Amino acid sequence: MIERIRKILVEHGRLNKDAATLAEDGDLYQAGMTSHASVNVMLALEGEFEIEFPDHMLKRSVFESIGAMRDAIAELTKGS
């Protein structure tokens, strides 16, 4: 899952650092991701993992790190 998230970050995150070298708990906003880019990342994650982020997950903390996104996706895909 982590590699799929990293691939999406490379394609949509507009980071000024290499997504492959970022720590799982590294702040993606400090790495250059904007709020606009985070929306593109969210949409790409929804398509890649066949999920939909509910309103209560549409906040900065869910998309601020690779680990946070992994945890959110795991929560949304459990039981599927």
PDB file of N, CA and C in Angstrom:
ATOM      1  N   MET A   1       0.820  -1.194   0.000  1.00  0.00           N
ATOM      2  CA  MET A   1       0.000   0.000   0.000  1.00  0.00           C
ATOM      3  C   MET A   1       0.867   1.262   0.000  1.00  0.00           C
ATOM      4  N   ILE A   2       1.960   1.240   0.772  1.00  0.00           N
ATOM      5  CA  ILE A   2       2.823   2.416   0.875  1.00  0.00           C
ATOM      6  C   ILE A   2       3.384   2.797  -0.490  1.00  0.00           C
ATOM      7  N   GLU A   3       3.806   1.809  -1.271  1.00  0.00           N
ATOM      8  CA  GLU A   3       4.379   2.114  -2.587  1.00  0.00           C
ATOM      9  C   GLU A   3       3.328   2.710  -3.522  1.00  0.00           C
ATOM     10  N   ARG A   4       2.099   2.262  -3.414  1.00  0.00           N
ATOM     11  CA  ARG A   4       1.018   2.828  -4.236  1.00  0.00           C
ATOM     12  C   ARG A   4       0.756   4.276  -3.836  1.00  0.00           C
ATOM     13  N   ILE A   5       0.809   4.562  -2.545  1.00  0.00           N
ATOM     14  CA  ILE A   5       0.620   5.935  -2.074  1.00  0.00           C
ATOM     15  C   ILE A   5       1.773   6.810  -2.559  1.00  0.00           C
ATOM     16  N   ARG A   6       2.995   6.310  -2.462  1.00  0.00           N
ATOM     17  CA  ARG A   6       4.160   7.080  -2.931  1.00  0.00           C
ATOM     18  C   ARG A   6       4.046   7.395  -4.416  1.00  0.00           C
ATOM     19  N   LYS A   7       3.596   6.425  -5.202  1.00  0.00           N
ATOM     20  CA  LYS A   7       3.425   6.632  -6.649  1.00  0.00           C
ATOM     21  C   LYS A   7       2.422   7.756  -6.907  1.00  0.00           C
ATOM     22  N   ILE A   8       1.335   7.759  -6.177  1.00  0.00           N
ATOM     23  CA  ILE A   8       0.328   8.814  -6.324  1.00  0.00           C
ATOM     24  C   ILE A   8       0.915  10.157  -5.929  1.00  0.00           C
ATOM     25  N   LEU A   9       1.717  10.187  -4.877  1.00  0.00           N
ATOM     26  CA  LEU A   9       2.348  11.441  -4.462  1.00  0.00           C
ATOM     27  C   LEU A   9       3.287  11.974  -5.537  1.00  0.00           C
ATOM     28  N   VAL A  10       4.016  11.090  -6.196  1.00  0.00           N
ATOM     29  CA  VAL A  10       4.897  11.513  -7.287  1.00  0.00           C
ATOM     30  C   VAL A  10       4.071  12.130  -8.415  1.00  0.00           C
ATOM     31  N   GLU A  11       2.945  11.500  -8.736  1.00  0.00           N
ATOM     32  CA  GLU A  11       2.123  11.938  -9.865  1.00  0.00           C
ATOM     33  C   GLU A  11       1.263  13.163  -9.554  1.00  0.00           C
ATOM     34  N   HIS A  12       0.821  13.318  -8.304  1.00  0.00           N
ATOM     35  CA  HIS A  12      -0.173  14.346  -7.992  1.00  0.00           C
ATOM     36  C   HIS A  12       0.192  15.285  -6.844  1.00  0.00           C
ATOM     37  N   GLY A  13       1.220  14.957  -6.072  1.00  0.00           N
ATOM     38  CA  GLY A  13       1.514  15.713  -4.856  1.00  0.00           C
ATOM     39  C   GLY A  13       2.257  17.020  -5.032  1.00  0.00           C
ATOM     40  N   ARG A  14       2.897  17.192  -6.204  1.00  0.00           N
ATOM     41  CA  ARG A  14       3.678  18.408  -6.460  1.00  0.00           C
ATOM     42  C   ARG A  14       4.678  18.698  -5.341  1.00  0.00           C
ATOM     43  N   LEU A  15       5.328  17.649  -4.885  1.00  0.00           N
ATOM     44  CA  LEU A  15       6.288  17.786  -3.789  1.00  0.00           C
ATOM     45  C   LEU A  15       7.616  18.330  -4.304  1.00  0.00           C
ATOM     46  N   ASN A  16       8.337  19.035  -3.449  1.00  0.00           N
ATOM     47  CA  ASN A  16       9.660  19.498  -3.826  1.00  0.00           C
ATOM     48  C   ASN A  16      10.734  18.543  -3.313  1.00  0.00           C
ATOM     49  N   LYS A  17      10.304  17.390  -2.810  1.00  0.00           N
ATOM     50  CA  LYS A  17      11.201  16.322  -2.373  1.00  0.00           C
ATOM     51  C   LYS A  17      10.746  15.024  -3.025  1.00  0.00           C
ATOM     52  N   ASP A  18      11.658  14.080  -3.141  1.00  0.00           N
ATOM     53  CA  ASP A  18      11.344  12.788  -3.727  1.00  0.00           C
ATOM     54  C   ASP A  18      10.458  11.985  -2.768  1.00  0.00           C
ATOM     55  N   ALA A  19       9.276  11.625  -3.216  1.00  0.00           N
ATOM     56  CA  ALA A  19       8.332  10.886  -2.373  1.00  0.00           C
ATOM     57  C   ALA A  19       8.913   9.549  -1.916  1.00  0.00           C
ATOM     58  N   ALA A  20       9.822   8.983  -2.692  1.00  0.00           N
ATOM     59  CA  ALA A  20      10.413   7.693  -2.332  1.00  0.00           C
ATOM     60  C   ALA A  20      11.332   7.803  -1.114  1.00  0.00           C
ATOM     61  N   THR A  21      11.822   9.004  -0.836  1.00  0.00           N
ATOM     62  CA  THR A  21      12.768   9.175   0.277  1.00  0.00           C
ATOM     63  C   THR A  21      12.107   9.727   1.535  1.00  0.00           C
ATOM     64  N   LEU A  22      10.843  10.074   1.457  1.00  0.00           N
ATOM     65  CA  LEU A  22      10.161  10.651   2.615  1.00  0.00           C
ATOM     66  C   LEU A  22       9.833   9.584   3.662  1.00  0.00           C
ATOM     67  N   ALA A  23      10.006   9.945   4.907  1.00  0.00           N
ATOM     68  CA  ALA A  23       9.606   9.053   5.996  1.00  0.00           C
ATOM     69  C   ALA A  23       8.090   8.929   5.999  1.00  0.00           C
ATOM     70  N   GLU A  24       7.599   7.800   6.488  1.00  0.00           N
ATOM     71  CA  GLU A  24       6.145   7.594   6.513  1.00  0.00           C
ATOM     72  C   GLU A  24       5.436   8.627   7.374  1.00  0.00           C
ATOM     73  N   ASP A  25       6.129   9.182   8.365  1.00  0.00           N
ATOM     74  CA  ASP A  25       5.512  10.197   9.215  1.00  0.00           C
ATOM     75  C   ASP A  25       5.966  11.612   8.858  1.00  0.00           C
ATOM     76  N   GLY A  26       6.670  11.755   7.732  1.00  0.00           N
ATOM     77  CA  GLY A  26       7.130  13.070   7.296  1.00  0.00           C
ATOM     78  C   GLY A  26       5.968  13.955   6.864  1.00  0.00           C
ATOM     79  N   ASP A  27       6.049  15.238   7.166  1.00  0.00           N
ATOM     80  CA  ASP A  27       4.985  16.196   6.837  1.00  0.00           C
ATOM     81  C   ASP A  27       5.026  16.520   5.349  1.00  0.00           C
ATOM     82  N   LEU A  28       3.994  16.106   4.629  1.00  0.00           N
ATOM     83  CA  LEU A  28       3.940  16.328   3.190  1.00  0.00           C
ATOM     84  C   LEU A  28       3.752  17.799   2.839  1.00  0.00           C
ATOM     85  N   TYR A  29       3.119  18.552   3.723  1.00  0.00           N
ATOM     86  CA  TYR A  29       2.946  19.980   3.462  1.00  0.00           C
ATOM     87  C   TYR A  29       4.285  20.700   3.574  1.00  0.00           C
ATOM     88  N   GLN A  30       5.141  20.264   4.482  1.00  0.00           N
ATOM     89  CA  GLN A  30       6.490  20.828   4.569  1.00  0.00           C
ATOM     90  C   GLN A  30       7.326  20.404   3.370  1.00  0.00           C
ATOM     91  N   ALA A  31       6.959  19.295   2.757  1.00  0.00           N
ATOM     92  CA  ALA A  31       7.661  18.808   1.566  1.00  0.00           C
ATOM     93  C   ALA A  31       7.126  19.455   0.298  1.00  0.00           C
ATOM     94  N   GLY A  32       6.220  20.429   0.440  1.00  0.00           N
ATOM     95  CA  GLY A  32       5.761  21.199  -0.713  1.00  0.00           C
ATOM     96  C   GLY A  32       4.349  20.965  -1.193  1.00  0.00           C
ATOM     97  N   MET A  33       3.636  20.020  -0.593  1.00  0.00           N
ATOM     98  CA  MET A  33       2.266  19.769  -1.045  1.00  0.00           C
ATOM     99  C   MET A  33       1.353  20.929  -0.631  1.00  0.00           C
ATOM    100  N   THR A  34       0.549  21.386  -1.568  1.00  0.00           N
ATOM    101  CA  THR A  34      -0.410  22.458  -1.291  1.00  0.00           C
ATOM    102  C   THR A  34      -1.787  21.842  -1.021  1.00  0.00           C
ATOM    103  N   SER A  35      -2.711  22.659  -0.561  1.00  0.00           N
ATOM    104  CA  SER A  35      -4.065  22.153  -0.330  1.00  0.00           C
ATOM    105  C   SER A  35      -4.697  21.718  -1.648  1.00  0.00           C
ATOM    106  N   HIS A  36      -4.400  22.429  -2.728  1.00  0.00           N
ATOM    107  CA  HIS A  36      -4.924  22.046  -4.044  1.00  0.00           C
ATOM    108  C   HIS A  36      -4.370  20.677  -4.454  1.00  0.00           C
ATOM    109  N   ALA A  37      -3.068  20.484  -4.271  1.00  0.00           N
ATOM    110  CA  ALA A  37      -2.460  19.195  -4.611  1.00  0.00           C
ATOM    111  C   ALA A  37      -3.024  18.087  -3.739  1.00  0.00           C
ATOM    112  N   SER A  38      -3.340  18.394  -2.476  1.00  0.00           N
ATOM    113  CA  SER A  38      -3.883  17.354  -1.590  1.00  0.00           C
ATOM    114  C   SER A  38      -5.244  16.866  -2.083  1.00  0.00           C
ATOM    115  N   VAL A  39      -6.009  17.746  -2.704  1.00  0.00           N
ATOM    116  CA  VAL A  39      -7.298  17.324  -3.284  1.00  0.00           C
ATOM    117  C   VAL A  39      -7.042  16.357  -4.443  1.00  0.00           C
ATOM    118  N   ASN A  40      -6.055  16.673  -5.278  1.00  0.00           N
ATOM    119  CA  ASN A  40      -5.713  15.771  -6.382  1.00  0.00           C
ATOM    120  C   ASN A  40      -5.216  14.428  -5.861  1.00  0.00           C
ATOM    121  N   VAL A  41      -4.426  14.450  -4.792  1.00  0.00           N
ATOM    122  CA  VAL A  41      -3.952  13.215  -4.169  1.00  0.00           C
ATOM    123  C   VAL A  41      -5.138  12.421  -3.634  1.00  0.00           C
ATOM    124  N   MET A  42      -6.061  13.091  -2.959  1.00  0.00           N
ATOM    125  CA  MET A  42      -7.235  12.420  -2.422  1.00  0.00           C
ATOM    126  C   MET A  42      -8.033  11.735  -3.538  1.00  0.00           C
ATOM    127  N   LEU A  43      -8.276  12.437  -4.626  1.00  0.00           N
ATOM    128  CA  LEU A  43      -9.034  11.865  -5.733  1.00  0.00           C
ATOM    129  C   LEU A  43      -8.307  10.665  -6.341  1.00  0.00           C
ATOM    130  N   ALA A  44      -6.998  10.775  -6.461  1.00  0.00           N
ATOM    131  CA  ALA A  44      -6.210   9.656  -7.002  1.00  0.00           C
ATOM    132  C   ALA A  44      -6.242   8.457  -6.061  1.00  0.00           C
ATOM    133  N   LEU A  45      -6.173   8.710  -4.757  1.00  0.00           N
ATOM    134  CA  LEU A  45      -6.261   7.618  -3.779  1.00  0.00           C
ATOM    135  C   LEU A  45      -7.620   6.936  -3.858  1.00  0.00           C
ATOM    136  N   GLU A  46      -8.676   7.728  -3.998  1.00  0.00           N
ATOM    137  CA  GLU A  46     -10.019   7.149  -4.102  1.00  0.00           C
ATOM    138  C   GLU A  46     -10.107   6.231  -5.311  1.00  0.00           C
ATOM    139  N   GLY A  47      -9.547   6.666  -6.437  1.00  0.00           N
ATOM    140  CA  GLY A  47      -9.566   5.837  -7.637  1.00  0.00           C
ATOM    141  C   GLY A  47      -8.704   4.594  -7.501  1.00  0.00           C
ATOM    142  N   GLU A  48      -7.515   4.750  -6.961  1.00  0.00           N
ATOM    143  CA  GLU A  48      -6.569   3.638  -6.824  1.00  0.00           C
ATOM    144  C   GLU A  48      -7.080   2.557  -5.879  1.00  0.00           C
ATOM    145  N   PHE A  49      -7.667   2.972  -4.770  1.00  0.00           N
ATOM    146  CA  PHE A  49      -8.078   2.016  -3.747  1.00  0.00           C
ATOM    147  C   PHE A  49      -9.577   1.735  -3.750  1.00  0.00           C
ATOM    148  N   GLU A  50     -10.299   2.335  -4.702  1.00  0.00           N
ATOM    149  CA  GLU A  50     -11.746   2.149  -4.830  1.00  0.00           C
ATOM    150  C   GLU A  50     -12.457   2.437  -3.514  1.00  0.00           C
ATOM    151  N   ILE A  51     -12.194   3.620  -2.990  1.00  0.00           N
ATOM    152  CA  ILE A  51     -12.781   4.083  -1.729  1.00  0.00           C
ATOM    153  C   ILE A  51     -13.341   5.475  -1.933  1.00  0.00           C
ATOM    154  N   GLU A  52     -14.055   5.961  -0.941  1.00  0.00           N
ATOM    155  CA  GLU A  52     -14.488   7.357  -0.922  1.00  0.00           C
ATOM    156  C   GLU A  52     -14.262   7.878   0.491  1.00  0.00           C
ATOM    157  N   PHE A  53     -13.511   8.963   0.582  1.00  0.00           N
ATOM    158  CA  PHE A  53     -13.254   9.546   1.886  1.00  0.00           C
ATOM    159  C   PHE A  53     -14.514  10.238   2.387  1.00  0.00           C
ATOM    160  N   PRO A  54     -15.021   9.857   3.548  1.00  0.00           N
ATOM    161  CA  PRO A  54     -16.206  10.520   4.103  1.00  0.00           C
ATOM    162  C   PRO A  54     -15.834  11.930   4.587  1.00  0.00           C
ATOM    163  N   ASP A  55     -16.846  12.749   4.764  1.00  0.00           N
ATOM    164  CA  ASP A  55     -16.633  14.149   5.157  1.00  0.00           C
ATOM    165  C   ASP A  55     -15.756  14.290   6.398  1.00  0.00           C
ATOM    166  N   HIS A  56     -15.926  13.419   7.383  1.00  0.00           N
ATOM    167  CA  HIS A  56     -15.157  13.571   8.616  1.00  0.00           C
ATOM    168  C   HIS A  56     -13.660  13.306   8.417  1.00  0.00           C
ATOM    169  N   MET A  57     -13.284  12.725   7.274  1.00  0.00           N
ATOM    170  CA  MET A  57     -11.866  12.481   6.988  1.00  0.00           C
ATOM    171  C   MET A  57     -11.263  13.553   6.086  1.00  0.00           C
ATOM    172  N   LEU A  58     -12.056  14.488   5.655  1.00  0.00           N
ATOM    173  CA  LEU A  58     -11.560  15.520   4.750  1.00  0.00           C
ATOM    174  C   LEU A  58     -10.920  16.648   5.549  1.00  0.00           C
ATOM    175  N   LYS A  59      -9.760  16.338   6.117  1.00  0.00           N
ATOM    176  CA  LYS A  59      -9.034  17.326   6.902  1.00  0.00           C
ATOM    177  C   LYS A  59      -7.537  17.125   6.693  1.00  0.00           C
ATOM    178  N   ARG A  60      -6.822  18.157   6.978  1.00  0.00           N
ATOM    179  CA  ARG A  60      -5.379  18.174   6.729  1.00  0.00           C
ATOM    180  C   ARG A  60      -4.652  16.997   7.369  1.00  0.00           C
ATOM    181  N   SER A  61      -5.021  16.626   8.583  1.00  0.00           N
ATOM    182  CA  SER A  61      -4.296  15.580   9.305  1.00  0.00           C
ATOM    183  C   SER A  61      -4.342  14.230   8.597  1.00  0.00           C
ATOM    184  N   VAL A  62      -5.388  13.961   7.833  1.00  0.00           N
ATOM    185  CA  VAL A  62      -5.511  12.679   7.126  1.00  0.00           C
ATOM    186  C   VAL A  62      -4.526  12.603   5.962  1.00  0.00           C
ATOM    187  N   PHE A  63      -4.164  13.761   5.401  1.00  0.00           N
ATOM    188  CA  PHE A  63      -3.317  13.796   4.211  1.00  0.00           C
ATOM    189  C   PHE A  63      -1.936  14.378   4.483  1.00  0.00           C
ATOM    190  N   GLU A  64      -1.578  14.573   5.752  1.00  0.00           N
ATOM    191  CA  GLU A  64      -0.314  15.240   6.049  1.00  0.00           C
ATOM    192  C   GLU A  64       0.894  14.315   5.998  1.00  0.00           C
ATOM    193  N   SER A  65       0.675  13.004   5.985  1.00  0.00           N
ATOM    194  CA  SER A  65       1.812  12.084   5.890  1.00  0.00           C
ATOM    195  C   SER A  65       1.375  10.807   5.178  1.00  0.00           C
ATOM    196  N   ILE A  66       2.368  10.079   4.712  1.00  0.00           N
ATOM    197  CA  ILE A  66       2.098   8.800   4.055  1.00  0.00           C
ATOM    198  C   ILE A  66       1.445   7.840   5.050  1.00  0.00           C
ATOM    199  N   GLY A  67       1.939   7.836   6.272  1.00  0.00           N
ATOM    200  CA  GLY A  67       1.381   6.958   7.296  1.00  0.00           C
ATOM    201  C   GLY A  67      -0.068   7.282   7.625  1.00  0.00           C
ATOM    202  N   ALA A  68      -0.382   8.582   7.678  1.00  0.00           N
ATOM    203  CA  ALA A  68      -1.762   8.988   7.970  1.00  0.00           C
ATOM    204  C   ALA A  68      -2.704   8.538   6.854  1.00  0.00           C
ATOM    205  N   MET A  69      -2.250   8.668   5.611  1.00  0.00           N
ATOM    206  CA  MET A  69      -3.070   8.216   4.487  1.00  0.00           C
ATOM    207  C   MET A  69      -3.234   6.705   4.521  1.00  0.00           C
ATOM    208  N   ARG A  70      -2.149   5.988   4.830  1.00  0.00           N
ATOM    209  CA  ARG A  70      -2.217   4.526   4.924  1.00  0.00           C
ATOM    210  C   ARG A  70      -3.245   4.112   5.975  1.00  0.00           C
ATOM    211  N   ASP A  71      -3.206   4.762   7.121  1.00  0.00           N
ATOM    212  CA  ASP A  71      -4.141   4.413   8.196  1.00  0.00           C
ATOM    213  C   ASP A  71      -5.588   4.695   7.795  1.00  0.00           C
ATOM    214  N   ALA A  72      -5.813   5.815   7.128  1.00  0.00           N
ATOM    215  CA  ALA A  72      -7.169   6.160   6.678  1.00  0.00           C
ATOM    216  C   ALA A  72      -7.674   5.152   5.644  1.00  0.00           C
ATOM    217  N   ILE A  73      -6.811   4.802   4.704  1.00  0.00           N
ATOM    218  CA  ILE A  73      -7.200   3.834   3.678  1.00  0.00           C
ATOM    219  C   ILE A  73      -7.477   2.478   4.315  1.00  0.00           C
ATOM    220  N   ALA A  74      -6.628   2.072   5.261  1.00  0.00           N
ATOM    221  CA  ALA A  74      -6.837   0.787   5.945  1.00  0.00           C
ATOM    222  C   ALA A  74      -8.178   0.778   6.664  1.00  0.00           C
ATOM    223  N   GLU A  75      -8.528   1.897   7.283  1.00  0.00           N
ATOM    224  CA  GLU A  75      -9.813   1.976   7.977  1.00  0.00           C
ATOM    225  C   GLU A  75     -10.982   1.861   7.000  1.00  0.00           C
ATOM    226  N   LEU A  76     -10.831   2.493   5.839  1.00  0.00           N
ATOM    227  CA  LEU A  76     -11.916   2.489   4.853  1.00  0.00           C
ATOM    228  C   LEU A  76     -12.028   1.182   4.083  1.00  0.00           C
ATOM    229  N   THR A  77     -10.951   0.399   4.050  1.00  0.00           N
ATOM    230  CA  THR A  77     -10.993  -0.845   3.281  1.00  0.00           C
ATOM    231  C   THR A  77     -11.153  -2.089   4.143  1.00  0.00           C
ATOM    232  N   LYS A  78     -11.161  -1.921   5.469  1.00  0.00           N
ATOM    233  CA  LYS A  78     -11.324  -3.110   6.315  1.00  0.00           C
ATOM    234  C   LYS A  78     -12.702  -3.710   6.071  1.00  0.00           C
ATOM    235  N   GLY A  79     -12.709  -5.006   5.941  1.00  0.00           N
ATOM    236  CA  GLY A  79     -13.960  -5.702   5.689  1.00  0.00           C
ATOM    237  C   GLY A  79     -14.352  -5.762   4.232  1.00  0.00           C
ATOM    238  N   SER A  80     -13.520  -5.188   3.360  1.00  0.00           N
ATOM    239  CA  SER A  80     -13.875  -5.268   1.924  1.00  0.00           C
ATOM    240  C   SER A  80     -13.009  -6.261   1.201  1.00  0.00           C
TER     241      SER A  80
END
